[in-house]
Amino acid sequence: MAARPSSDLAKFRREHLASAQHLVILTGAGVSAESGVPTFRGAGGFWRKYQAQDLATPQAFYRDPSLVWEFYHYRREVMLSKEPNPAHDAIAEVEARFAAEGKRVVVITQNIDELHKRAGSENILELHGSLFKTQCTECGDVRPNHDSPICEALSGHGAPDPDATAARLPVSDLPRCQVGNCGGLLRPNVVWFGESLDEEVMDAAHEELENCDLCLVVGTSSVVYPAAMFAPQVAMRGVPVAEFNMETTPATNRLGGKGFFFEGPCGTILPQALAK
């Protein structure tokens, strides 16, 4: 029978955080929920009459790039109005503190909102890409883009109300590549349903996970693969893994004999766990 994870915060800090040299922090939607970031998944998670899996696919983009860009334009504009919360801040602060002591912290996130970056984290691996990067469908160029709006034609569009009328913009008016004379149609540089994760990012994530001596799992449901396997794989090496979540997940009972589980809002419990 799997060992029940400990909830002894003092023990976690004393026996593991204090001696860690290489900390990996896995984060999911739960870490951004307290910043008011909508997920468009599950009950009530709709944009108009759609959920994320209806629009975040190559097929949806091919079929109706205007509608998909309206969805992502709305998400970008919403994110620009949000701020990092105390969980993001605590993660950035522990990275800076460890770095000053010659130690390493890496954030591996499933989030596409860049709130870790805005909080000050520097070592970030974005498994699912970023809302604020674009990829050209013609030349493949990937680059940051924080323009608001991303193109003039989308200004005033993207309202989430179920009765909102689709803008039906001509493809020529949607975001276009600025590299040389390319002019190709841009897409958000995010990993859509049915697409593979970036190999370089995955290789880098595996290397961090194989070398870390402490792993935190923060606000992730542990049901989306391959990230769902990260924490159990680290635990199988005998490395302590601490989960911070509102409720238990499929990973909770696979954290091994050195596992910890801390229940509650990430923005409340994580700063306590990572404080100086």
Protein backbone atom coordinates (compact mmCIF):
# COMPACT_ATOMS: atom_id res chain seq x y z
CA MET A 1 0.00 0.00 0.00
CA ALA A 2 1.30 3.47 -0.92
CA ALA A 3 2.61 5.56 1.96
CA ARG A 4 0.33 8.44 2.88
CA PRO A 5 2.11 11.74 2.21
CA SER A 6 3.04 13.89 5.19
CA SER A 7 1.49 17.31 5.85
CA ASP A 8 4.22 18.39 8.28
CA LEU A 9 5.26 21.79 6.92
CA ALA A 10 8.03 22.32 9.49
CA LYS A 11 9.57 18.95 8.57
CA PHE A 12 9.42 19.80 4.86
CA ARG A 13 11.21 23.09 5.45
CA ARG A 14 13.76 21.73 7.92
CA GLU A 15 14.69 18.43 6.30
CA HIS A 16 14.25 19.14 2.61
CA LEU A 17 13.95 22.78 1.54
CA ALA A 18 16.89 23.87 3.71
CA SER A 19 19.27 21.32 2.17
CA ALA A 20 18.01 21.33 -1.44
CA GLN A 21 20.51 22.29 -4.14
CA HIS A 22 18.38 21.76 -7.24
CA LEU A 23 14.66 22.49 -6.90
CA VAL A 24 12.15 21.80 -9.68
CA ILE A 25 8.66 23.33 -9.39
CA LEU A 26 5.90 21.90 -11.59
CA THR A 27 2.95 24.26 -11.97
CA GLY A 28 -0.52 24.01 -13.48
CA ALA A 29 -3.73 26.02 -13.77
CA GLY A 30 -4.28 26.06 -9.99
CA VAL A 31 -1.35 28.42 -9.46
CA SER A 32 -2.97 31.02 -11.74
CA ALA A 33 -6.57 30.52 -10.62
CA GLU A 34 -6.10 32.96 -7.75
CA SER A 35 -5.08 35.62 -10.27
CA GLY A 36 -8.52 35.20 -11.85
CA VAL A 37 -7.30 33.40 -14.98
CA PRO A 38 -10.16 31.56 -16.74
CA THR A 39 -9.40 28.02 -17.96
CA PHE A 40 -12.35 27.34 -20.33
CA ARG A 41 -12.37 23.75 -19.06
CA GLY A 42 -14.97 21.93 -16.97
CA ALA A 43 -18.33 23.16 -15.66
CA GLY A 44 -19.08 26.73 -16.65
CA GLY A 45 -15.79 27.08 -18.51
CA PHE A 46 -17.14 28.43 -21.77
CA TRP A 47 -16.17 31.16 -24.22
CA ARG A 48 -19.41 31.82 -26.06
CA LYS A 49 -20.68 28.26 -26.62
CA TYR A 50 -17.22 26.74 -26.86
CA GLN A 51 -14.75 25.14 -24.47
CA ALA A 52 -11.00 25.23 -25.03
CA GLN A 53 -10.88 21.80 -26.65
CA ASP A 54 -13.35 23.00 -29.33
CA LEU A 55 -11.09 25.83 -30.50
CA ALA A 56 -7.55 24.88 -29.44
CA THR A 57 -6.95 22.44 -32.30
CA PRO A 58 -5.20 22.67 -35.68
CA GLN A 59 -8.47 21.58 -37.31
CA ALA A 60 -10.41 24.46 -35.73
CA PHE A 61 -7.78 26.96 -36.86
CA TYR A 62 -7.75 25.57 -40.41
CA ARG A 63 -11.55 25.67 -40.52
CA ASP A 64 -12.06 29.14 -38.98
CA PRO A 65 -8.87 31.08 -38.17
CA SER A 66 -10.89 34.24 -37.48
CA LEU A 67 -12.92 32.57 -34.71
CA VAL A 68 -9.84 30.97 -33.14
CA TRP A 69 -7.97 34.28 -33.21
CA GLU A 70 -10.97 36.01 -31.57
CA PHE A 71 -10.74 33.45 -28.75
CA TYR A 72 -7.00 33.97 -28.27
CA HIS A 73 -7.28 37.76 -28.64
CA TYR A 74 -9.81 37.70 -25.78
CA ARG A 75 -7.53 35.51 -23.65
CA ARG A 76 -4.52 37.77 -24.31
CA GLU A 77 -6.45 40.91 -23.40
CA VAL A 78 -7.82 39.28 -20.22
CA MET A 79 -4.32 38.18 -19.20
CA LEU A 80 -2.93 41.69 -19.64
CA SER A 81 -5.37 42.78 -16.91
CA LYS A 82 -4.25 40.06 -14.46
CA GLU A 83 -1.33 40.13 -12.03
CA PRO A 84 0.87 37.43 -10.48
CA ASN A 85 -0.41 36.29 -7.10
CA PRO A 86 1.52 35.40 -3.91
CA ALA A 87 2.21 31.87 -5.22
CA HIS A 88 3.97 33.24 -8.32
CA ASP A 89 5.83 35.73 -6.14
CA ALA A 90 6.97 33.03 -3.69
CA ILE A 91 8.32 30.90 -6.54
CA ALA A 92 10.23 33.85 -8.03
CA GLU A 93 11.61 34.79 -4.61
CA VAL A 94 12.90 31.28 -3.83
CA GLU A 95 14.59 31.17 -7.24
CA ALA A 96 16.39 34.45 -6.56
CA ARG A 97 17.35 33.33 -3.04
CA PHE A 98 18.68 29.97 -4.23
CA ALA A 99 20.58 31.61 -7.10
CA ALA A 100 22.35 33.94 -4.64
CA GLU A 101 23.50 30.82 -2.77
CA GLY A 102 24.71 29.04 -5.93
CA LYS A 103 21.67 26.74 -6.01
CA ARG A 104 19.23 26.08 -8.85
CA VAL A 105 15.47 26.50 -9.21
CA VAL A 106 13.59 25.67 -12.43
CA VAL A 107 9.88 26.16 -13.07
CA ILE A 108 8.25 23.67 -15.44
CA THR A 109 4.79 25.00 -16.20
CA GLN A 110 1.74 23.84 -18.10
CA ASN A 111 0.43 27.42 -18.05
CA ILE A 112 0.55 29.69 -21.08
CA ASP A 113 -0.12 32.97 -19.23
CA GLU A 114 3.49 34.16 -18.55
CA LEU A 115 2.60 35.08 -14.96
CA HIS A 116 5.73 33.32 -13.69
CA LYS A 117 7.84 35.52 -15.93
CA ARG A 118 6.01 38.65 -14.83
CA ALA A 119 6.58 37.70 -11.18
CA GLY A 120 10.33 37.58 -11.82
CA SER A 121 11.06 33.88 -12.41
CA GLU A 122 13.85 33.40 -14.94
CA ASN A 123 14.37 29.65 -15.38
CA ILE A 124 11.04 28.67 -16.93
CA LEU A 125 10.17 25.79 -19.24
CA GLU A 126 6.75 26.35 -20.86
CA LEU A 127 5.46 22.89 -21.77
CA HIS A 128 2.41 24.22 -23.61
CA GLY A 129 3.88 27.41 -25.09
CA SER A 130 2.75 30.98 -24.46
CA LEU A 131 -0.22 33.20 -25.26
CA PHE A 132 2.29 35.96 -25.90
CA LYS A 133 4.32 34.27 -28.63
CA THR A 134 3.30 33.73 -32.22
CA GLN A 135 4.33 31.14 -34.78
CA CYS A 136 4.20 31.69 -38.53
CA THR A 137 2.28 28.98 -40.38
CA GLU A 138 4.45 29.61 -43.46
CA CYS A 139 8.08 30.17 -42.37
CA GLY A 140 7.82 28.77 -38.81
CA ASP A 141 9.24 31.91 -37.14
CA VAL A 142 8.44 32.08 -33.41
CA ARG A 143 8.68 35.38 -31.55
CA PRO A 144 7.28 37.23 -28.53
CA ASN A 145 4.26 39.45 -29.16
CA HIS A 146 2.63 41.54 -26.44
CA ASP A 147 0.77 43.92 -28.81
CA SER A 148 -2.68 44.97 -27.60
CA PRO A 149 -4.61 44.30 -29.76
CA ILE A 150 -2.46 41.85 -31.68
CA CYS A 151 -3.88 43.34 -34.90
CA GLU A 152 -6.21 46.26 -35.55
CA ALA A 153 -8.94 44.12 -37.11
CA LEU A 154 -9.44 42.22 -33.81
CA SER A 155 -9.92 45.42 -31.80
CA GLY A 156 -13.36 45.35 -30.17
CA HIS A 157 -13.91 41.67 -30.97
CA GLY A 158 -13.65 38.51 -28.89
CA ALA A 159 -16.46 39.16 -26.37
CA PRO A 160 -17.16 35.91 -24.49
CA ASP A 161 -20.97 36.28 -24.32
CA PRO A 162 -22.87 33.31 -25.79
CA ASP A 163 -24.89 35.65 -28.04
CA ALA A 164 -21.85 37.55 -29.38
CA THR A 165 -21.60 37.61 -33.16
CA ALA A 166 -18.48 36.11 -34.74
CA ALA A 167 -16.33 38.77 -36.41
CA ARG A 168 -15.67 36.62 -39.52
CA LEU A 169 -12.56 38.60 -40.42
CA PRO A 170 -10.85 37.98 -43.75
CA VAL A 171 -7.66 35.93 -43.33
CA SER A 172 -5.72 38.86 -44.81
CA ASP A 173 -6.74 41.01 -41.80
CA LEU A 174 -5.60 38.48 -39.16
CA PRO A 175 -2.10 38.62 -37.58
CA ARG A 176 0.57 38.24 -40.27
CA CYS A 177 4.28 37.42 -40.21
CA GLN A 178 6.63 40.42 -40.19
CA VAL A 179 9.79 38.50 -41.20
CA GLY A 180 11.12 39.85 -44.49
CA ASN A 181 8.49 39.50 -47.19
CA CYS A 182 6.88 36.41 -45.65
CA GLY A 183 3.46 37.77 -44.66
CA GLY A 184 2.27 34.30 -43.63
CA LEU A 185 -0.69 33.80 -41.30
CA LEU A 186 0.37 33.72 -37.64
CA ARG A 187 -1.03 31.34 -35.04
CA PRO A 188 -0.63 31.41 -31.25
CA ASN A 189 2.55 29.56 -30.25
CA VAL A 190 0.71 27.21 -27.94
CA VAL A 191 0.44 23.42 -28.01
CA TRP A 192 -3.04 22.56 -29.22
CA PHE A 193 -5.00 19.39 -28.55
CA GLY A 194 -3.67 16.67 -30.84
CA GLU A 195 -0.22 18.28 -31.17
CA SER A 196 3.03 17.01 -29.68
CA LEU A 197 4.95 18.96 -27.07
CA ASP A 198 8.16 20.66 -28.22
CA GLU A 199 10.96 18.08 -28.15
CA GLU A 200 13.62 20.52 -26.95
CA VAL A 201 11.43 21.70 -24.08
CA MET A 202 10.58 18.12 -23.12
CA ASP A 203 14.25 17.07 -23.22
CA ALA A 204 15.18 20.02 -21.00
CA ALA A 205 12.33 19.18 -18.59
CA HIS A 206 13.43 15.54 -18.32
CA GLU A 207 17.01 16.60 -17.64
CA GLU A 208 15.90 18.88 -14.79
CA LEU A 209 13.67 16.16 -13.33
CA GLU A 210 16.48 13.60 -13.48
CA ASN A 211 18.88 15.88 -11.63
CA CYS A 212 16.71 17.64 -9.04
CA ASP A 213 16.95 16.78 -5.34
CA LEU A 214 13.54 18.28 -4.43
CA CYS A 215 10.36 18.60 -6.51
CA LEU A 216 7.22 20.65 -5.86
CA VAL A 217 3.91 20.06 -7.65
CA VAL A 218 1.78 23.20 -7.46
CA GLY A 219 -1.81 23.55 -8.64
CA THR A 220 -1.78 20.84 -11.28
CA SER A 221 -4.49 18.21 -11.68
CA SER A 222 -1.93 15.53 -12.57
CA VAL A 223 -4.22 14.14 -15.26
CA VAL A 224 -2.66 15.73 -18.39
CA TYR A 225 0.12 13.57 -19.81
CA PRO A 226 3.06 13.50 -20.04
CA ALA A 227 3.33 16.03 -17.18
CA ALA A 228 1.16 13.80 -14.97
CA MET A 229 4.04 11.32 -14.80
CA PHE A 230 6.73 13.82 -13.82
CA ALA A 231 6.23 13.80 -10.04
CA PRO A 232 5.79 10.00 -9.69
CA GLN A 233 8.95 9.48 -11.77
CA VAL A 234 10.93 11.81 -9.48
CA ALA A 235 9.49 10.05 -6.40
CA MET A 236 10.59 6.67 -7.79
CA ARG A 237 14.18 7.97 -7.63
CA GLY A 238 13.71 8.45 -3.88
CA VAL A 239 13.61 12.24 -4.21
CA PRO A 240 11.19 14.13 -1.92
CA VAL A 241 8.12 15.47 -3.75
CA ALA A 242 5.70 17.97 -2.18
CA GLU A 243 2.27 18.61 -3.67
CA PHE A 244 0.39 21.86 -3.05
CA ASN A 245 -3.22 21.71 -4.15
CA MET A 246 -6.85 22.43 -3.28
CA GLU A 247 -7.57 18.68 -3.29
CA THR A 248 -5.83 15.36 -3.74
CA THR A 249 -4.98 14.26 -7.29
CA PRO A 250 -4.05 10.97 -8.99
CA ALA A 251 -0.41 11.76 -8.13
CA THR A 252 -0.96 12.27 -4.39
CA ASN A 253 -0.63 8.62 -3.41
CA ARG A 254 2.30 8.08 -5.76
CA LEU A 255 4.67 10.50 -4.05
CA GLY A 256 6.64 7.78 -2.26
CA GLY A 257 7.86 7.54 1.32
CA LYS A 258 9.26 11.08 1.20
CA GLY A 259 6.06 12.62 -0.16
CA PHE A 260 4.26 15.66 1.25
CA PHE A 261 0.77 16.96 0.54
CA PHE A 262 -0.35 20.44 1.57
CA GLU A 263 -4.03 21.24 1.00
CA GLY A 264 -5.31 24.75 0.41
CA PRO A 265 -5.01 27.74 -1.92
CA CYS A 266 -1.53 27.90 -3.50
CA GLY A 267 -1.29 31.62 -2.80
CA THR A 268 -1.68 30.96 0.93
CA ILE A 269 0.30 27.78 1.59
CA LEU A 270 3.17 28.12 -0.87
CA PRO A 271 4.56 31.40 0.56
CA GLN A 272 4.57 29.79 4.02
CA ALA A 273 6.41 26.73 2.72
CA LEU A 274 9.04 28.67 0.76
CA ALA A 275 9.58 31.60 3.14
CA LYS A 276 13.13 32.46 4.16
